[in-house]
Amino acid sequence: MPFDYNPENDIPDLTGKSIFITGGTGGLGAESAIHLAKHNPSHIYLSGRNATSAEKVIKQIHGTNPDLAVTFIKCDLASLTSVKGAAEHFTSQHQTLDILMCNAGTMANPPGLTVDGYEVQFGTNHLGHALLIKKFLPLLEASRNPRLVILTSQGWGLHPRGGIIFDKLKTTQDIAFGGPWRRYGQSKLANLLYARELAKRFPAITSVSVHPGVARTSLVNDLSLKDRMIVYGTTWWVIIKAHEGAFNQTWAATVDKAQIRNGGYYEPVGKLEDGKLDETAKDEALAERLWDWTEKALMGF
């Protein structure tokens, strides 16, 4: 699928910019870091669970920009204690952050819980990121033209009836039919709603949600055979390479502020697609309820 976007030419000079990417040790996070590193940011932070994978990405980045500061910060989004530790490690050393890319995620998992007892996809994809965002908001607000990019997915449309089943978020939500995908849709809907709510509450920070496209990464390759067949069977004509999957999020992280709508939902590359949202995804009361639920869940962290 050809894109009218070339990160080599279309990412502007990033001199002085600090960047934090969750899931930066592989997949689209690593590809994003590699693209961004070629445009002279001051520092890139990669968070994730695997230090060995991080070293490989850092080595690749240094192959094109040997002088760039790149730091790995261990962080498991399925553990709020781990997220808190990673965030406080960063905030103890920095007063500003220019770009936060909430890239990491998990997809179509079997029934399970995070260590804090939340449905594993919601706890990882939404709640872990929400805590990191909460910790980093003062640093973003202290920056000039801060940018917050949250990866969602067209899979938000697979959400269960009602969008988010709040009274079941501390269960495995073992739904009989299509459970893994409905739980995934619920978490990706939360990503989309949360980005819009952040834009409303913190207008000085440009916050958007982005669908990266269907890229050949471990997120798909690690699925069960049946679920891989579902993904490839329903999207084979739009599947893109991993480095192309990072285009939309690098565009959103770096495009001129005048060319991006705060709170918007974007599909590749740079296409505002709020018109594709269903009534649940447009529901402002649901977004506010998610905000309030999240704030309560994060108390004490």
Protein backbone atom coordinates (compact mmCIF):
# COMPACT_ATOMS: atom_id res chain seq x y z
CA MET A 1 0.00 0.00 0.00
CA PRO A 2 1.79 3.19 -1.13
CA PHE A 3 1.73 6.12 1.28
CA ASP A 4 2.15 9.78 0.48
CA TYR A 5 4.52 10.04 3.41
CA ASN A 6 8.25 9.56 3.68
CA PRO A 7 9.70 9.83 7.19
CA GLU A 8 13.14 10.51 5.75
CA ASN A 9 11.86 13.80 4.32
CA ASP A 10 8.62 14.52 6.17
CA ILE A 11 9.78 14.29 9.79
CA PRO A 12 11.09 17.77 10.65
CA ASP A 13 14.27 18.57 12.54
CA LEU A 14 13.82 17.42 16.13
CA THR A 15 16.80 19.18 17.68
CA GLY A 16 16.26 19.61 21.41
CA LYS A 17 13.29 17.22 21.54
CA SER A 18 13.06 14.47 24.14
CA ILE A 19 10.99 11.41 23.22
CA PHE A 20 9.60 8.57 25.34
CA ILE A 21 8.22 5.49 23.53
CA THR A 22 6.49 2.63 25.32
CA GLY A 23 7.11 -0.73 23.71
CA GLY A 24 10.13 0.80 22.07
CA THR A 25 12.12 -2.42 22.21
CA GLY A 26 10.38 -4.06 19.24
CA GLY A 27 7.70 -3.79 16.59
CA LEU A 28 6.25 -0.40 15.75
CA GLY A 29 7.86 1.25 18.77
CA ALA A 30 11.32 0.28 17.62
CA GLU A 31 10.54 1.28 14.03
CA SER A 32 9.30 4.66 15.28
CA ALA A 33 12.46 5.21 17.28
CA ILE A 34 14.60 4.35 14.25
CA HIS A 35 12.69 6.82 12.06
CA LEU A 36 12.80 9.61 14.66
CA ALA A 37 16.48 9.07 15.51
CA LYS A 38 17.49 10.24 12.03
CA HIS A 39 16.21 13.75 12.76
CA ASN A 40 18.46 14.77 15.65
CA PRO A 41 16.31 14.57 18.80
CA SER A 42 18.17 15.23 22.03
CA HIS A 43 17.26 11.92 23.69
CA ILE A 44 15.07 8.88 23.00
CA TYR A 45 13.82 6.70 25.84
CA LEU A 46 12.62 3.20 25.08
CA SER A 47 10.49 1.45 27.68
CA GLY A 48 9.68 -2.24 27.67
CA ARG A 49 10.32 -5.51 29.45
CA ASN A 50 13.27 -6.88 27.52
CA ALA A 51 16.70 -5.28 27.98
CA THR A 52 18.27 -7.57 25.35
CA SER A 53 15.78 -6.44 22.71
CA ALA A 54 16.38 -2.84 23.73
CA GLU A 55 20.12 -3.22 23.19
CA LYS A 56 19.50 -4.46 19.64
CA VAL A 57 17.33 -1.43 18.86
CA ILE A 58 19.83 0.96 20.41
CA LYS A 59 22.63 -0.60 18.36
CA GLN A 60 20.57 -0.17 15.19
CA ILE A 61 19.84 3.48 16.03
CA HIS A 62 23.50 4.16 16.70
CA GLY A 63 24.28 2.74 13.28
CA THR A 64 22.69 5.86 11.76
CA ASN A 65 23.15 8.37 14.60
CA PRO A 66 26.07 7.24 16.77
CA ASP A 67 26.00 10.30 19.04
CA LEU A 68 22.31 10.17 19.96
CA ALA A 69 21.48 9.50 23.60
CA VAL A 70 19.19 6.45 23.76
CA THR A 71 18.15 5.00 27.11
CA PHE A 72 16.20 1.87 28.01
CA ILE A 73 13.82 2.07 30.98
CA LYS A 74 12.35 -1.22 32.16
CA CYS A 75 8.58 -1.02 32.41
CA ASP A 76 5.84 -3.65 32.47
CA LEU A 77 2.52 -1.97 31.65
CA ALA A 78 0.63 -4.88 33.22
CA SER A 79 2.00 -3.85 36.62
CA LEU A 80 1.08 -0.43 38.02
CA THR A 81 3.98 -0.68 40.47
CA SER A 82 6.37 -1.21 37.56
CA VAL A 83 4.86 1.74 35.66
CA LYS A 84 5.11 3.96 38.73
CA GLY A 85 8.76 3.02 39.19
CA ALA A 86 9.62 3.68 35.54
CA ALA A 87 7.82 7.01 35.54
CA GLU A 88 9.43 8.19 38.75
CA HIS A 89 12.85 7.11 37.49
CA PHE A 90 12.31 9.43 34.53
CA THR A 91 10.68 12.33 36.36
CA SER A 92 13.43 12.38 39.00
CA GLN A 93 15.91 13.26 36.25
CA HIS A 94 13.84 15.43 33.89
CA GLN A 95 11.58 18.46 34.13
CA THR A 96 10.22 18.37 30.58
CA LEU A 97 9.14 15.84 27.95
CA ASP A 98 8.33 16.81 24.37
CA ILE A 99 6.84 13.65 22.84
CA LEU A 100 5.18 10.75 24.62
CA MET A 101 4.26 7.86 22.32
CA CYS A 102 2.03 5.28 24.02
CA ASN A 103 2.81 2.55 21.54
CA ALA A 104 2.98 -0.70 23.52
CA GLY A 105 0.06 -3.06 23.57
CA THR A 106 -1.25 -6.58 23.66
CA MET A 107 -3.89 -8.13 21.43
CA ALA A 108 -6.48 -10.92 21.50
CA ASN A 109 -5.18 -12.50 24.70
CA PRO A 110 -6.88 -15.47 26.31
CA PRO A 111 -8.73 -14.64 29.55
CA GLY A 112 -6.35 -13.30 32.18
CA LEU A 113 -5.66 -10.62 34.77
CA THR A 114 -2.85 -8.17 35.35
CA VAL A 115 -0.94 -8.38 38.62
CA ASP A 116 -3.29 -5.67 39.92
CA GLY A 117 -6.34 -7.78 39.08
CA TYR A 118 -7.62 -6.03 35.95
CA GLU A 119 -8.63 -7.71 32.69
CA VAL A 120 -5.24 -8.09 31.03
CA GLN A 121 -5.83 -6.21 27.78
CA PHE A 122 -7.59 -3.29 29.46
CA GLY A 123 -5.05 -3.20 32.27
CA THR A 124 -2.12 -3.19 29.84
CA ASN A 125 -3.38 -1.18 26.89
CA HIS A 126 -5.28 1.48 28.84
CA LEU A 127 -4.61 1.54 32.56
CA GLY A 128 -0.83 1.11 32.48
CA HIS A 129 -0.53 3.87 29.92
CA ALA A 130 -2.95 6.08 31.85
CA LEU A 131 -0.68 5.95 34.92
CA LEU A 132 2.38 6.78 32.83
CA ILE A 133 0.51 9.70 31.22
CA LYS A 134 -0.64 10.94 34.63
CA LYS A 135 2.95 10.96 35.90
CA PHE A 136 4.24 12.70 32.77
CA LEU A 137 1.53 15.37 32.38
CA PRO A 138 3.49 18.05 34.31
CA LEU A 139 6.58 17.39 32.16
CA LEU A 140 4.57 17.61 28.96
CA GLU A 141 2.87 20.81 30.08
CA ALA A 142 6.30 22.29 30.84
CA SER A 143 7.41 21.68 27.24
CA ARG A 144 6.94 23.83 24.19
CA ASN A 145 4.44 22.26 21.76
CA PRO A 146 4.16 18.91 23.59
CA ARG A 147 2.70 15.92 21.76
CA LEU A 148 0.96 12.83 23.14
CA VAL A 149 0.27 10.00 20.70
CA ILE A 150 -1.80 7.02 21.83
CA LEU A 151 -2.03 3.96 19.61
CA THR A 152 -5.52 2.64 19.18
CA SER A 153 -6.71 0.36 16.38
CA GLN A 154 -9.61 -0.01 14.00
CA GLY A 155 -10.28 -2.88 16.38
CA TRP A 156 -11.96 -0.33 18.69
CA GLY A 157 -15.09 -1.19 16.68
CA LEU A 158 -15.08 -4.72 18.16
CA HIS A 159 -15.98 -3.33 21.59
CA PRO A 160 -18.81 -5.03 23.49
CA ARG A 161 -22.26 -3.50 23.68
CA GLY A 162 -22.05 -0.45 25.90
CA GLY A 163 -18.41 0.08 24.97
CA ILE A 164 -16.70 -0.51 28.31
CA ILE A 165 -18.11 -2.95 30.84
CA PHE A 166 -16.92 -1.13 33.95
CA ASP A 167 -18.33 -3.57 36.49
CA LYS A 168 -16.44 -6.45 34.86
CA LEU A 169 -13.00 -4.84 34.49
CA LYS A 170 -11.75 -6.66 37.58
CA THR A 171 -12.67 -10.02 36.06
CA THR A 172 -11.28 -11.96 33.09
CA GLN A 173 -14.44 -11.06 31.11
CA ASP A 174 -14.50 -14.57 29.70
CA ILE A 175 -17.05 -13.87 26.96
CA ALA A 176 -18.16 -17.02 25.15
CA PHE A 177 -18.17 -15.69 21.58
CA GLY A 178 -15.25 -13.64 20.26
CA GLY A 179 -14.05 -12.90 23.76
CA PRO A 180 -10.39 -12.09 23.02
CA TRP A 181 -11.34 -9.64 20.26
CA ARG A 182 -14.17 -8.00 22.18
CA ARG A 183 -11.84 -7.43 25.14
CA TYR A 184 -9.26 -6.03 22.72
CA GLY A 185 -11.89 -3.74 21.19
CA GLN A 186 -12.85 -2.49 24.63
CA SER A 187 -9.24 -1.56 25.42
CA LYS A 188 -8.70 0.14 22.07
CA LEU A 189 -11.94 2.10 22.47
CA ALA A 190 -10.59 3.25 25.83
CA ASN A 191 -7.38 4.45 24.14
CA LEU A 192 -9.39 6.50 21.68
CA LEU A 193 -11.74 7.99 24.30
CA TYR A 194 -8.89 8.77 26.67
CA ALA A 195 -6.93 10.69 24.04
CA ARG A 196 -9.97 12.84 23.35
CA GLU A 197 -10.61 13.43 27.05
CA LEU A 198 -6.96 14.40 27.58
CA ALA A 199 -7.25 16.93 24.76
CA LYS A 200 -10.30 18.44 26.47
CA ARG A 201 -8.75 18.59 29.95
CA PHE A 202 -5.20 19.53 28.93
CA PRO A 203 -5.56 21.63 25.75
CA ALA A 204 -1.94 22.82 25.85
CA ILE A 205 -0.90 19.23 25.05
CA THR A 206 -1.78 17.97 21.56
CA SER A 207 -3.21 14.51 22.27
CA VAL A 208 -4.38 12.21 19.48
CA SER A 209 -5.19 8.55 18.92
CA VAL A 210 -3.83 6.76 15.86
CA HIS A 211 -4.47 3.48 14.07
CA PRO A 212 -1.14 2.27 12.65
CA GLY A 213 -2.56 -0.03 10.00
CA VAL A 214 -2.18 -3.80 9.96
CA ALA A 215 1.57 -4.38 10.10
CA ARG A 216 3.61 -7.59 10.15
CA THR A 217 4.90 -7.43 13.72
CA SER A 218 5.05 -9.79 16.68
CA LEU A 219 1.69 -8.41 17.84
CA VAL A 220 0.11 -10.38 15.00
CA ASN A 221 2.73 -13.12 14.63
CA ASP A 222 2.40 -14.14 18.29
CA LEU A 223 -1.33 -14.78 17.98
CA SER A 224 -2.75 -18.28 17.85
CA LEU A 225 -2.95 -19.82 14.39
CA LYS A 226 -6.71 -19.30 14.33
CA ASP A 227 -6.44 -15.63 15.26
CA ARG A 228 -3.59 -15.05 12.80
CA MET A 229 -5.80 -16.51 10.09
CA ILE A 230 -8.60 -14.14 11.15
CA VAL A 231 -6.29 -11.13 10.93
CA TYR A 232 -4.64 -12.03 7.64
CA GLY A 233 -7.84 -13.39 6.11
CA THR A 234 -9.72 -10.15 6.73
CA THR A 235 -6.91 -7.69 5.98
CA TRP A 236 -4.54 -9.36 3.51
CA TRP A 237 -5.02 -6.61 0.91
CA VAL A 238 -3.98 -3.82 3.33
CA ILE A 239 -1.15 -5.48 5.27
CA ILE A 240 1.93 -3.29 5.44
CA LYS A 241 5.56 -3.72 6.48
CA ALA A 242 6.60 -2.99 10.06
CA HIS A 243 8.51 0.17 9.18
CA GLU A 244 5.42 1.48 7.34
CA GLY A 245 3.29 0.67 10.37
CA ALA A 246 5.21 3.35 12.24
CA PHE A 247 4.40 6.07 9.69
CA ASN A 248 1.13 7.28 11.22
CA GLN A 249 2.50 7.61 14.73
CA THR A 250 5.69 9.37 13.65
CA TRP A 251 3.56 11.73 11.55
CA ALA A 252 1.30 12.44 14.54
CA ALA A 253 4.28 12.96 16.84
CA THR A 254 6.03 15.50 14.63
CA VAL A 255 3.67 17.18 12.17
CA ASP A 256 3.15 20.92 12.56
CA LYS A 257 0.58 21.68 15.25
CA ALA A 258 -1.56 23.60 12.76
CA GLN A 259 -2.04 20.42 10.71
CA ILE A 260 -3.39 18.17 13.47
CA ARG A 261 -6.63 18.34 15.45
CA ASN A 262 -6.28 17.98 19.19
CA GLY A 263 -8.25 14.92 20.31
CA GLY A 264 -8.63 13.55 16.80
CA TYR A 265 -8.56 9.94 15.64
CA TYR A 266 -6.20 9.34 12.70
CA GLU A 267 -5.71 6.50 10.24
CA PRO A 268 -2.65 6.11 7.96
CA VAL A 269 -1.19 8.46 7.18
CA GLY A 270 -2.50 11.61 8.79
CA LYS A 271 -6.13 11.06 7.83
CA LEU A 272 -8.58 12.45 10.36
CA GLU A 273 -11.30 9.80 10.60
CA ASP A 274 -13.57 11.01 13.39
CA GLY A 275 -16.42 10.53 10.91
CA LYS A 276 -15.88 6.73 11.09
CA LEU A 277 -16.59 6.62 14.82
CA ASP A 278 -19.81 5.00 16.03
CA GLU A 279 -22.07 6.54 18.66
CA THR A 280 -20.23 4.74 21.45
CA ALA A 281 -16.85 6.09 20.35
CA LYS A 282 -18.35 9.60 20.13
CA ASP A 283 -20.01 9.34 23.54
CA GLU A 284 -18.70 12.22 25.68
CA ALA A 285 -20.41 10.88 28.80
CA LEU A 286 -18.62 7.54 28.33
CA ALA A 287 -15.29 9.34 27.93
CA GLU A 288 -15.92 11.26 31.16
CA ARG A 289 -16.93 8.07 32.97
CA LEU A 290 -13.73 6.39 31.76
CA TRP A 291 -11.72 9.35 33.05
CA ASP A 292 -13.36 9.20 36.47
CA TRP A 293 -13.01 5.41 36.69
CA THR A 294 -9.34 5.65 35.71
CA GLU A 295 -8.59 8.36 38.26
CA LYS A 296 -10.13 6.20 40.98
CA ALA A 297 -8.25 3.06 39.83
CA LEU A 298 -4.94 4.95 39.93
CA MET A 299 -5.37 6.37 43.44
CA GLY A 300 -2.40 5.40 45.56
CA PHE A 301 -0.05 5.17 42.59
